N, C-alpha and C. Protein backbone atom coordinates (compact mmCIF):
# COMPACT_ATOMS: atom_id res chain seq x y z
N MET A 1 -2.93 29.85 -27.02
CA MET A 1 -2.69 28.81 -25.91
C MET A 1 -3.46 27.63 -26.22
N SER A 2 -3.22 26.40 -25.83
CA SER A 2 -4.19 25.25 -26.20
C SER A 2 -4.49 24.76 -24.92
N ALA A 3 -5.70 24.53 -24.47
CA ALA A 3 -6.07 23.65 -23.47
C ALA A 3 -6.19 22.34 -23.51
N THR A 4 -5.14 21.53 -22.70
CA THR A 4 -5.34 20.20 -23.38
C THR A 4 -5.07 19.16 -22.13
N ALA A 5 -4.93 18.00 -22.43
CA ALA A 5 -4.77 17.06 -21.48
C ALA A 5 -4.18 15.91 -22.28
N ALA A 6 -3.52 15.37 -21.77
CA ALA A 6 -2.67 13.74 -22.34
C ALA A 6 -2.91 12.79 -21.56
N VAL A 7 -3.65 11.85 -22.18
CA VAL A 7 -3.88 10.44 -21.27
C VAL A 7 -3.52 9.38 -22.09
N PRO A 8 -3.47 7.99 -21.69
CA PRO A 8 -2.88 6.90 -22.56
C PRO A 8 -3.85 6.55 -23.44
N SER A 9 -3.58 6.31 -24.69
CA SER A 9 -4.43 5.80 -25.60
C SER A 9 -5.26 4.64 -25.42
N ALA A 10 -6.47 4.43 -25.71
CA ALA A 10 -7.35 3.28 -25.63
C ALA A 10 -6.70 2.01 -26.21
N ASN A 11 -5.69 2.25 -27.41
CA ASN A 11 -5.33 1.06 -27.98
C ASN A 11 -3.91 0.79 -27.51
N THR A 12 -3.56 1.04 -26.09
CA THR A 12 -2.26 0.69 -25.78
C THR A 12 -2.58 -0.33 -24.35
N THR A 13 -1.69 -0.99 -23.64
CA THR A 13 -2.19 -2.03 -22.89
C THR A 13 -2.49 -1.27 -21.58
N THR A 14 -2.39 -0.02 -21.20
CA THR A 14 -3.09 0.98 -20.11
C THR A 14 -4.17 1.16 -20.24
N LYS A 15 -5.20 0.40 -20.73
CA LYS A 15 -6.52 0.70 -20.80
C LYS A 15 -7.38 1.36 -19.93
N SER A 16 -8.09 2.24 -19.91
CA SER A 16 -8.80 2.92 -18.91
C SER A 16 -10.04 1.99 -18.40
N SER A 17 -10.26 1.83 -17.20
CA SER A 17 -11.41 0.83 -16.51
C SER A 17 -12.75 2.12 -16.65
N HIS A 18 -12.43 3.22 -17.31
CA HIS A 18 -13.59 4.21 -17.04
C HIS A 18 -14.03 4.73 -18.59
N THR A 19 -15.06 4.82 -18.79
CA THR A 19 -15.64 4.91 -20.24
C THR A 19 -16.07 6.52 -20.17
N LEU A 20 -15.72 6.86 -21.40
CA LEU A 20 -16.12 8.21 -21.55
C LEU A 20 -17.51 8.75 -21.52
N ASN A 21 -18.09 9.76 -21.10
CA ASN A 21 -19.31 10.18 -20.88
C ASN A 21 -19.96 10.59 -22.49
N THR A 22 -19.83 9.87 -23.23
CA THR A 22 -20.04 10.48 -24.66
C THR A 22 -21.72 11.06 -24.78
N ASP A 23 -22.39 10.95 -23.72
CA ASP A 23 -23.55 11.58 -24.04
C ASP A 23 -23.49 12.94 -23.47
N HIS A 24 -22.52 13.57 -22.90
CA HIS A 24 -22.55 14.95 -22.83
C HIS A 24 -21.81 15.65 -24.03
N PRO A 25 -22.69 16.72 -24.39
CA PRO A 25 -22.42 17.49 -25.47
C PRO A 25 -20.97 17.75 -25.69
N PHE A 26 -20.38 18.21 -24.63
CA PHE A 26 -18.82 18.74 -24.88
C PHE A 26 -17.97 17.77 -25.28
N TRP A 27 -18.38 16.30 -25.30
CA TRP A 27 -17.37 15.59 -25.85
C TRP A 27 -17.35 15.65 -27.42
N GLN A 28 -18.51 16.12 -27.84
CA GLN A 28 -18.60 16.62 -29.43
C GLN A 28 -17.87 17.47 -29.81
N ILE A 29 -17.53 18.33 -28.85
CA ILE A 29 -16.60 19.58 -29.32
C ILE A 29 -15.10 19.41 -28.88
N ILE A 30 -15.11 18.46 -27.88
CA ILE A 30 -13.33 18.35 -27.60
C ILE A 30 -12.69 17.57 -28.84
N ARG A 31 -11.63 18.03 -29.03
CA ARG A 31 -10.90 17.29 -30.11
C ARG A 31 -9.70 16.30 -29.46
N THR A 32 -10.20 15.09 -29.88
CA THR A 32 -9.01 14.16 -29.45
C THR A 32 -7.86 14.20 -30.50
N VAL A 33 -6.55 14.04 -30.21
CA VAL A 33 -5.61 13.90 -31.20
C VAL A 33 -4.67 12.96 -30.88
N PRO A 34 -4.96 11.68 -31.37
CA PRO A 34 -4.32 10.49 -31.07
C PRO A 34 -2.72 10.63 -31.46
N ASP A 35 -1.85 10.04 -30.64
CA ASP A 35 -0.38 9.77 -30.64
C ASP A 35 0.23 11.10 -30.26
N PHE A 36 -0.10 12.07 -29.63
CA PHE A 36 0.31 13.24 -29.18
C PHE A 36 0.21 13.54 -27.79
N PRO A 37 1.25 14.05 -26.90
CA PRO A 37 2.44 14.40 -27.64
C PRO A 37 3.71 13.28 -28.00
N LYS A 38 3.09 11.85 -27.69
CA LYS A 38 4.10 10.99 -28.02
C LYS A 38 3.12 9.70 -28.43
N VAL A 39 3.62 8.96 -29.18
CA VAL A 39 2.75 7.73 -29.45
C VAL A 39 2.27 6.87 -28.21
N GLY A 40 1.04 6.54 -28.38
CA GLY A 40 0.30 5.73 -27.45
C GLY A 40 -0.44 6.85 -26.30
N ILE A 41 -0.52 8.13 -26.61
CA ILE A 41 -1.13 9.05 -25.84
C ILE A 41 -2.19 9.85 -26.66
N ASP A 42 -3.63 9.83 -26.01
CA ASP A 42 -4.81 10.52 -26.55
C ASP A 42 -4.62 12.06 -25.90
N PHE A 43 -4.55 13.03 -26.66
CA PHE A 43 -4.74 14.20 -26.01
C PHE A 43 -5.77 14.97 -26.17
N TYR A 44 -6.72 15.44 -25.29
CA TYR A 44 -7.70 16.20 -25.16
C TYR A 44 -7.78 17.62 -25.30
N ASP A 45 -7.99 18.09 -26.44
CA ASP A 45 -7.87 19.50 -26.76
C ASP A 45 -9.35 20.32 -26.52
N ILE A 46 -9.15 21.03 -25.08
CA ILE A 46 -10.40 21.58 -24.89
C ILE A 46 -10.87 22.98 -25.45
N THR A 47 -9.79 23.37 -26.32
CA THR A 47 -9.64 24.83 -26.92
C THR A 47 -11.20 25.14 -27.61
N PRO A 48 -11.80 24.18 -28.32
CA PRO A 48 -12.94 24.68 -28.99
C PRO A 48 -13.87 25.34 -27.92
N LEU A 49 -13.97 24.43 -26.87
CA LEU A 49 -14.94 24.76 -25.63
C LEU A 49 -14.80 26.37 -25.29
N LEU A 50 -13.30 26.71 -25.27
CA LEU A 50 -13.02 27.96 -24.55
C LEU A 50 -13.37 28.90 -25.82
N ARG A 51 -13.30 28.65 -27.15
CA ARG A 51 -13.59 29.74 -28.08
C ARG A 51 -15.16 29.70 -28.46
N SER A 52 -16.05 28.74 -28.51
CA SER A 52 -17.43 28.94 -28.78
C SER A 52 -18.39 28.56 -27.78
N HIS A 53 -18.04 28.15 -26.35
CA HIS A 53 -19.04 27.48 -25.81
C HIS A 53 -18.64 27.92 -24.18
N ILE A 54 -17.85 29.08 -24.00
CA ILE A 54 -17.37 29.39 -22.69
C ILE A 54 -18.54 29.57 -21.43
N ASN A 55 -19.86 30.23 -22.13
CA ASN A 55 -20.83 30.50 -21.04
C ASN A 55 -21.49 28.91 -20.52
N ALA A 56 -21.60 28.04 -21.66
CA ALA A 56 -22.04 26.69 -21.42
C ALA A 56 -21.06 26.03 -20.34
N VAL A 57 -19.77 26.31 -20.47
CA VAL A 57 -18.96 25.74 -19.63
C VAL A 57 -18.83 26.02 -18.24
N ILE A 58 -19.33 27.35 -18.20
CA ILE A 58 -19.26 27.84 -16.76
C ILE A 58 -20.52 27.51 -16.13
N ASP A 59 -21.53 27.70 -16.72
CA ASP A 59 -23.08 27.31 -16.33
C ASP A 59 -22.66 25.53 -15.90
N GLU A 60 -22.00 24.61 -16.58
CA GLU A 60 -21.82 23.46 -16.39
C GLU A 60 -21.12 23.05 -15.10
N LEU A 61 -19.89 24.00 -14.91
CA LEU A 61 -19.07 23.82 -13.72
C LEU A 61 -19.96 24.29 -12.51
N LEU A 62 -20.76 25.45 -12.58
CA LEU A 62 -21.52 25.75 -11.68
C LEU A 62 -22.65 24.59 -11.01
N ALA A 63 -23.00 23.97 -12.06
CA ALA A 63 -24.22 22.96 -11.87
C ALA A 63 -23.56 21.74 -11.19
N VAL A 64 -22.24 21.33 -11.20
CA VAL A 64 -21.89 20.44 -10.66
C VAL A 64 -21.38 20.58 -8.96
N LEU A 65 -21.53 21.69 -8.59
CA LEU A 65 -21.17 21.95 -7.33
C LEU A 65 -22.40 21.66 -6.45
N PRO A 66 -22.57 20.84 -5.17
CA PRO A 66 -23.45 20.44 -4.49
C PRO A 66 -24.01 21.95 -3.91
N ALA A 67 -25.37 21.96 -3.75
CA ALA A 67 -26.26 22.99 -2.97
C ALA A 67 -25.64 23.39 -1.71
N GLY A 68 -25.46 24.88 -1.82
CA GLY A 68 -24.87 25.43 -0.46
C GLY A 68 -23.60 25.67 -0.23
N LEU A 69 -22.49 24.80 -1.21
CA LEU A 69 -20.99 24.90 -1.11
C LEU A 69 -20.70 26.12 -1.15
N LEU A 70 -21.11 26.89 -2.31
CA LEU A 70 -20.84 28.27 -2.50
C LEU A 70 -20.93 29.32 -1.63
N ASP A 71 -21.69 28.97 -0.44
CA ASP A 71 -21.79 29.70 0.57
C ASP A 71 -20.80 29.48 1.77
N GLU A 72 -20.11 28.38 1.26
CA GLU A 72 -18.86 28.33 2.55
C GLU A 72 -17.63 28.95 1.85
N VAL A 73 -17.65 29.25 0.19
CA VAL A 73 -16.51 29.74 -0.20
C VAL A 73 -16.09 31.06 -0.07
N ASP A 74 -15.19 31.97 0.24
CA ASP A 74 -14.65 33.26 0.42
C ASP A 74 -14.08 33.40 -1.05
N CYS A 75 -13.21 32.57 -1.62
CA CYS A 75 -12.73 33.15 -2.94
C CYS A 75 -12.29 31.82 -3.57
N LEU A 76 -11.82 31.82 -4.89
CA LEU A 76 -11.55 30.73 -5.63
C LEU A 76 -9.80 30.99 -5.91
N GLY A 77 -9.45 29.77 -5.60
CA GLY A 77 -7.86 29.36 -5.86
C GLY A 77 -7.51 29.26 -7.41
N ALA A 78 -7.32 30.14 -8.14
CA ALA A 78 -7.16 29.90 -9.63
C ALA A 78 -5.51 29.48 -9.83
N VAL A 79 -5.61 28.29 -10.31
CA VAL A 79 -4.28 27.37 -10.86
C VAL A 79 -3.81 28.05 -12.22
N GLU A 80 -2.70 28.16 -12.33
CA GLU A 80 -1.95 28.67 -13.60
C GLU A 80 -2.37 27.49 -14.68
N ALA A 81 -2.55 27.69 -15.70
CA ALA A 81 -2.76 29.02 -16.52
C ALA A 81 -4.25 28.88 -16.73
N ARG A 82 -4.92 27.88 -17.25
CA ARG A 82 -6.32 27.81 -17.46
C ARG A 82 -7.21 27.98 -16.72
N GLY A 83 -6.78 27.38 -15.26
CA GLY A 83 -7.70 27.68 -14.16
C GLY A 83 -7.86 29.30 -13.73
N PHE A 84 -7.01 30.20 -14.27
CA PHE A 84 -7.20 31.70 -14.35
C PHE A 84 -8.47 31.99 -15.20
N VAL A 85 -8.55 31.09 -16.13
CA VAL A 85 -9.70 31.81 -17.35
C VAL A 85 -11.29 31.13 -16.58
N PHE A 86 -11.17 29.97 -16.14
CA PHE A 86 -12.60 29.45 -15.49
C PHE A 86 -12.86 30.11 -14.12
N ALA A 87 -11.85 30.61 -13.47
CA ALA A 87 -11.97 31.18 -11.90
C ALA A 87 -12.24 32.33 -12.28
N SER A 88 -11.75 33.11 -13.39
CA SER A 88 -11.98 34.48 -13.32
C SER A 88 -13.52 34.66 -13.80
N LEU A 89 -14.01 33.89 -14.75
CA LEU A 89 -15.41 33.86 -15.25
C LEU A 89 -16.25 33.27 -14.11
N LEU A 90 -15.95 32.64 -13.35
CA LEU A 90 -16.69 32.04 -11.99
C LEU A 90 -17.04 33.41 -11.14
N ALA A 91 -15.63 33.82 -10.69
CA ALA A 91 -15.23 34.98 -9.78
C ALA A 91 -16.46 36.06 -10.05
N GLY A 92 -16.47 36.38 -11.30
CA GLY A 92 -17.11 37.57 -11.96
C GLY A 92 -18.71 37.12 -11.70
N ARG A 93 -18.97 35.87 -12.02
CA ARG A 93 -20.41 35.51 -11.80
C ARG A 93 -20.79 35.67 -10.41
N LEU A 94 -19.95 34.95 -9.46
CA LEU A 94 -20.50 34.67 -8.28
C LEU A 94 -20.07 36.05 -7.33
N GLY A 95 -19.17 37.12 -7.66
CA GLY A 95 -18.89 38.10 -7.04
C GLY A 95 -17.95 37.56 -5.68
N LYS A 96 -17.22 36.50 -6.09
CA LYS A 96 -16.00 36.10 -5.13
C LYS A 96 -14.69 36.60 -5.77
N GLY A 97 -13.67 36.70 -4.87
CA GLY A 97 -12.45 37.14 -5.06
C GLY A 97 -11.47 35.61 -5.60
N MET A 98 -10.36 36.15 -5.83
CA MET A 98 -9.24 34.99 -6.21
C MET A 98 -8.20 35.08 -5.57
N ILE A 99 -7.52 33.68 -5.48
CA ILE A 99 -5.98 34.07 -5.23
C ILE A 99 -5.44 33.38 -6.40
N LEU A 100 -4.18 33.54 -6.60
CA LEU A 100 -3.64 33.18 -7.98
C LEU A 100 -2.41 32.18 -7.23
N LEU A 101 -2.60 31.27 -7.89
CA LEU A 101 -1.25 30.07 -7.83
C LEU A 101 -0.72 29.81 -8.91
N ARG A 102 0.57 30.54 -9.02
CA ARG A 102 1.19 30.87 -10.10
C ARG A 102 2.53 30.20 -10.53
N LYS A 103 3.39 30.29 -11.42
CA LYS A 103 4.52 29.85 -11.82
C LYS A 103 5.75 30.87 -11.26
N PRO A 104 6.77 30.46 -10.92
CA PRO A 104 7.82 31.13 -10.10
C PRO A 104 8.02 32.50 -10.96
N GLY A 105 8.32 33.56 -10.01
CA GLY A 105 8.96 34.79 -10.59
C GLY A 105 7.57 35.80 -11.22
N LYS A 106 6.39 35.26 -10.80
CA LYS A 106 5.38 35.99 -11.53
C LYS A 106 4.42 36.70 -10.34
N LEU A 107 4.76 36.62 -9.15
CA LEU A 107 3.89 37.42 -7.62
C LEU A 107 4.89 37.85 -6.99
N PRO A 108 4.66 39.27 -6.68
CA PRO A 108 5.44 39.95 -5.75
C PRO A 108 5.54 39.30 -4.42
N PRO A 109 6.87 39.64 -3.74
CA PRO A 109 6.84 38.77 -2.31
C PRO A 109 6.17 39.64 -1.30
N PRO A 110 5.91 38.57 -0.14
CA PRO A 110 6.50 37.64 -0.19
C PRO A 110 5.54 36.41 -0.75
N VAL A 111 6.36 35.25 -1.30
CA VAL A 111 5.49 33.98 -1.49
C VAL A 111 5.85 32.82 -1.02
N ALA A 112 5.11 31.87 -1.09
CA ALA A 112 5.56 30.60 -0.56
C ALA A 112 5.40 29.74 -2.14
N ASN A 113 6.32 28.70 -1.83
CA ASN A 113 6.38 27.93 -3.16
C ASN A 113 6.37 26.52 -3.01
N LYS A 114 6.32 25.69 -4.00
CA LYS A 114 6.47 24.31 -3.78
C LYS A 114 6.77 23.63 -5.11
N ALA A 115 7.92 22.99 -5.15
CA ALA A 115 7.82 21.89 -6.36
C ALA A 115 7.41 20.71 -6.50
N TYR A 116 6.85 20.24 -7.60
CA TYR A 116 6.04 19.29 -7.96
C TYR A 116 6.51 18.44 -9.41
N ALA A 117 5.94 17.15 -9.35
CA ALA A 117 6.36 16.51 -10.75
C ALA A 117 5.27 16.34 -11.38
N LEU A 118 5.39 16.73 -12.88
CA LEU A 118 4.39 16.52 -13.89
C LEU A 118 4.36 15.45 -14.69
N GLU A 119 3.79 15.31 -15.67
CA GLU A 119 3.58 14.00 -16.65
C GLU A 119 5.20 13.83 -17.46
N TYR A 120 5.68 14.86 -17.83
CA TYR A 120 6.83 15.15 -18.39
C TYR A 120 7.77 15.97 -17.93
N GLY A 121 7.79 15.90 -16.56
CA GLY A 121 9.05 16.90 -15.71
C GLY A 121 8.78 17.30 -14.32
N LYS A 122 9.24 18.56 -14.16
CA LYS A 122 8.87 19.10 -12.81
C LYS A 122 8.76 20.43 -13.08
N ASP A 123 8.00 21.16 -12.11
CA ASP A 123 7.38 22.54 -12.22
C ASP A 123 7.38 22.81 -10.63
N THR A 124 6.99 24.32 -10.64
CA THR A 124 6.82 24.85 -9.13
C THR A 124 5.68 25.88 -9.27
N LEU A 125 5.00 25.89 -8.24
CA LEU A 125 3.79 26.88 -7.95
C LEU A 125 4.14 27.87 -7.01
N GLU A 126 3.84 28.97 -6.90
CA GLU A 126 3.86 29.85 -6.08
C GLU A 126 2.50 30.70 -5.64
N MET A 127 2.37 31.06 -4.50
CA MET A 127 1.32 32.10 -3.98
C MET A 127 1.73 32.75 -2.84
N GLN A 128 0.86 34.09 -2.69
CA GLN A 128 1.24 34.91 -1.68
C GLN A 128 0.99 34.44 -0.59
N ASN A 129 2.03 34.51 0.61
CA ASN A 129 1.69 34.07 1.73
C ASN A 129 1.54 35.04 2.82
N ASN A 130 0.88 36.00 2.48
CA ASN A 130 0.71 37.17 3.39
C ASN A 130 -1.12 37.29 3.57
N LEU A 131 -1.58 36.69 2.90
CA LEU A 131 -3.02 36.97 2.71
C LEU A 131 -3.81 36.28 3.91
N PRO A 132 -5.01 36.75 4.62
CA PRO A 132 -5.36 36.33 5.51
C PRO A 132 -6.31 35.14 4.79
N PRO A 133 -6.48 34.28 6.22
CA PRO A 133 -7.04 32.89 5.91
C PRO A 133 -8.48 32.99 5.27
N GLU A 134 -8.37 32.12 4.32
CA GLU A 134 -9.99 32.20 3.72
C GLU A 134 -10.42 30.82 3.13
N ARG A 135 -11.85 30.45 3.04
CA ARG A 135 -12.16 29.26 2.48
C ARG A 135 -12.20 29.28 1.09
N VAL A 136 -11.41 28.59 0.51
CA VAL A 136 -11.06 28.42 -0.95
C VAL A 136 -11.69 27.12 -1.51
N LEU A 137 -11.93 27.55 -2.87
CA LEU A 137 -12.57 26.51 -3.77
C LEU A 137 -11.23 26.60 -4.99
N LEU A 138 -10.53 25.47 -4.88
CA LEU A 138 -9.58 25.42 -6.13
C LEU A 138 -10.31 25.06 -7.60
N VAL A 139 -9.67 25.95 -8.49
CA VAL A 139 -10.53 25.76 -9.79
C VAL A 139 -9.30 25.50 -11.03
N ASP A 140 -9.40 24.73 -11.62
CA ASP A 140 -8.40 24.45 -12.82
C ASP A 140 -9.34 23.54 -13.78
N ASP A 141 -8.67 23.26 -15.20
CA ASP A 141 -9.27 22.88 -16.17
C ASP A 141 -9.34 21.48 -16.25
N ILE A 142 -8.24 20.97 -15.94
CA ILE A 142 -7.92 19.40 -16.10
C ILE A 142 -7.43 18.68 -14.97
N LEU A 143 -7.92 17.71 -14.12
CA LEU A 143 -7.21 17.05 -13.26
C LEU A 143 -6.56 15.86 -13.83
N ALA A 144 -5.40 15.67 -14.33
CA ALA A 144 -4.78 14.58 -14.75
C ALA A 144 -3.90 13.73 -13.55
N THR A 145 -2.47 13.82 -13.40
CA THR A 145 -1.76 12.95 -12.35
C THR A 145 -2.09 13.65 -11.13
N GLY A 146 -2.79 15.00 -10.98
CA GLY A 146 -3.16 15.32 -9.65
C GLY A 146 -1.80 15.88 -8.99
N GLY A 147 -0.72 16.21 -9.66
CA GLY A 147 0.64 17.04 -9.05
C GLY A 147 0.24 18.55 -8.97
N THR A 148 -0.18 19.10 -10.03
CA THR A 148 -0.55 20.48 -9.80
C THR A 148 -1.59 20.91 -8.75
N LEU A 149 -2.62 20.06 -9.11
CA LEU A 149 -3.77 20.42 -8.00
C LEU A 149 -3.45 20.10 -6.67
N THR A 150 -2.50 19.07 -6.23
CA THR A 150 -2.29 18.74 -4.97
C THR A 150 -1.39 19.89 -4.28
N THR A 151 -0.63 20.16 -5.17
CA THR A 151 0.51 21.40 -4.92
C THR A 151 -0.12 22.58 -4.70
N ALA A 152 -1.31 23.02 -5.51
CA ALA A 152 -1.95 24.24 -4.91
C ALA A 152 -2.77 23.85 -3.87
N TYR A 153 -3.34 22.68 -3.42
CA TYR A 153 -3.99 22.40 -2.08
C TYR A 153 -2.95 22.51 -0.85
N GLU A 154 -1.74 22.05 -1.24
CA GLU A 154 -0.73 22.26 -0.04
C GLU A 154 -0.33 23.56 0.27
N LEU A 155 -0.26 24.31 -0.83
CA LEU A 155 0.23 25.46 -0.65
C LEU A 155 -0.77 26.35 0.16
N CYS A 156 -1.95 26.30 -0.33
CA CYS A 156 -3.22 26.88 0.37
C CYS A 156 -3.13 26.34 1.97
N LYS A 157 -3.14 25.04 2.04
CA LYS A 157 -2.89 24.59 3.60
C LYS A 157 -1.93 25.39 4.36
N SER A 158 -0.65 25.43 3.60
CA SER A 158 0.68 26.00 4.38
C SER A 158 0.13 27.43 4.66
N ALA A 159 -0.54 28.21 3.68
CA ALA A 159 -1.06 29.80 4.44
C ALA A 159 -2.17 29.89 5.31
N GLU A 160 -2.54 28.79 5.66
CA GLU A 160 -3.63 28.74 6.73
C GLU A 160 -5.02 28.89 6.10
N HIS A 161 -5.18 28.54 4.70
CA HIS A 161 -6.62 28.76 4.02
C HIS A 161 -7.13 27.31 4.33
N THR A 162 -8.70 27.19 4.13
CA THR A 162 -9.28 26.10 4.19
C THR A 162 -9.76 25.57 2.88
N VAL A 163 -9.15 24.63 2.25
CA VAL A 163 -9.60 24.13 0.95
C VAL A 163 -11.04 23.38 1.26
N VAL A 164 -12.04 23.99 0.62
CA VAL A 164 -13.45 23.10 0.73
C VAL A 164 -13.52 22.33 -0.40
N GLY A 165 -12.72 22.07 -1.62
CA GLY A 165 -12.94 21.57 -2.80
C GLY A 165 -12.14 21.79 -3.90
N ALA A 166 -12.24 21.08 -5.01
CA ALA A 166 -11.49 21.33 -6.00
C ALA A 166 -12.74 21.00 -7.30
N LEU A 167 -12.63 22.31 -8.34
CA LEU A 167 -13.48 22.27 -9.55
C LEU A 167 -12.79 22.33 -10.70
N VAL A 168 -12.95 21.01 -11.38
CA VAL A 168 -12.20 20.97 -12.55
C VAL A 168 -13.36 20.54 -13.83
N LEU A 169 -12.91 20.91 -15.16
CA LEU A 169 -13.96 20.68 -16.19
C LEU A 169 -13.58 19.09 -16.49
N LEU A 170 -12.28 18.91 -16.58
CA LEU A 170 -12.24 17.25 -17.15
C LEU A 170 -11.33 16.34 -15.96
N ASP A 171 -11.66 15.45 -15.65
CA ASP A 171 -11.23 14.71 -14.60
C ASP A 171 -10.54 13.39 -15.27
N LEU A 172 -9.36 13.12 -15.19
CA LEU A 172 -8.50 11.62 -15.73
C LEU A 172 -8.71 10.96 -14.64
N VAL A 173 -9.67 9.95 -14.45
CA VAL A 173 -9.55 9.39 -13.27
C VAL A 173 -8.58 8.48 -12.98
N ASP A 174 -8.22 7.71 -14.04
CA ASP A 174 -7.29 6.59 -14.01
C ASP A 174 -5.70 7.15 -13.70
N LEU A 175 -5.69 8.43 -13.70
CA LEU A 175 -4.19 8.87 -13.80
C LEU A 175 -3.66 9.27 -12.39
N HIS A 176 -4.71 9.32 -11.51
CA HIS A 176 -4.43 10.16 -10.37
C HIS A 176 -4.74 9.43 -9.13
N GLY A 177 -4.56 9.68 -7.90
CA GLY A 177 -5.08 8.69 -6.57
C GLY A 177 -6.15 9.63 -6.15
N GLU A 178 -6.34 9.07 -4.97
CA GLU A 178 -7.36 9.92 -3.96
C GLU A 178 -6.76 11.43 -3.74
N PHE A 179 -7.82 12.38 -3.90
CA PHE A 179 -7.41 13.64 -3.58
C PHE A 179 -8.02 14.14 -2.01
N PRO A 180 -7.33 15.02 -1.43
CA PRO A 180 -7.67 15.29 -0.12
C PRO A 180 -8.88 15.77 0.27
N VAL A 181 -9.31 16.49 -0.92
CA VAL A 181 -10.91 17.15 -0.60
C VAL A 181 -11.81 16.55 -1.66
N PRO A 182 -13.14 16.90 -1.89
CA PRO A 182 -14.02 16.69 -3.09
C PRO A 182 -13.43 17.28 -4.14
N VAL A 183 -13.56 16.48 -5.45
CA VAL A 183 -13.23 16.82 -6.73
C VAL A 183 -14.71 17.15 -7.35
N TYR A 184 -14.92 18.19 -7.89
CA TYR A 184 -16.16 18.23 -8.56
C TYR A 184 -15.92 18.45 -10.00
N THR A 185 -16.41 17.67 -10.99
CA THR A 185 -15.90 17.80 -12.27
C THR A 185 -17.47 17.75 -13.28
N VAL A 186 -17.21 18.40 -14.50
CA VAL A 186 -18.23 18.34 -15.51
C VAL A 186 -18.27 16.80 -16.17
N LEU A 187 -16.84 16.30 -16.76
CA LEU A 187 -16.23 15.36 -17.63
C LEU A 187 -15.42 14.52 -16.86
N LYS A 188 -15.54 13.18 -16.83
CA LYS A 188 -14.81 12.06 -16.51
C LYS A 188 -14.23 11.36 -17.81
N ALA A 189 -12.96 11.03 -17.85
CA ALA A 189 -12.28 10.12 -18.77
C ALA A 189 -11.51 9.14 -18.27
């Protein structure tokens, strides 16, 4: 599985108003694939971070959270699929539980679901809707257009959970609007 994000290439007319934080050592490890999956898109492959630097990634994710926030969190909302990786490692370190936000047909009933738009199509997320209300920190790898993370937020709210924020490794800030809760991120592009 490849952990990736696609963004408009800097050589297109949709130039980013934000610069990459090339001072962060993770940018030296992330592989940029130009013109993939189509011409004009730069594809950020975070797989090398997962392969050889996972402890450093988890350390950095924890470091961006404000002091005291984790005291407010009952569990982590793990967004399929790479959010599972980060949320599992964080949950193990923190002694917190997880709520899974999955693709259709992967969770036993009863489930709540919500369809949403992706950069290249549509998808649906599901979560169990019979869990007691908790304070949730959503966890995913990359925030691009915001469709998946917004859907995860809305599903949690509909199940009466309180979402205290979202934690992502990479935020592609020009591809999405405002998010309803704070987003904590290690890298911005």
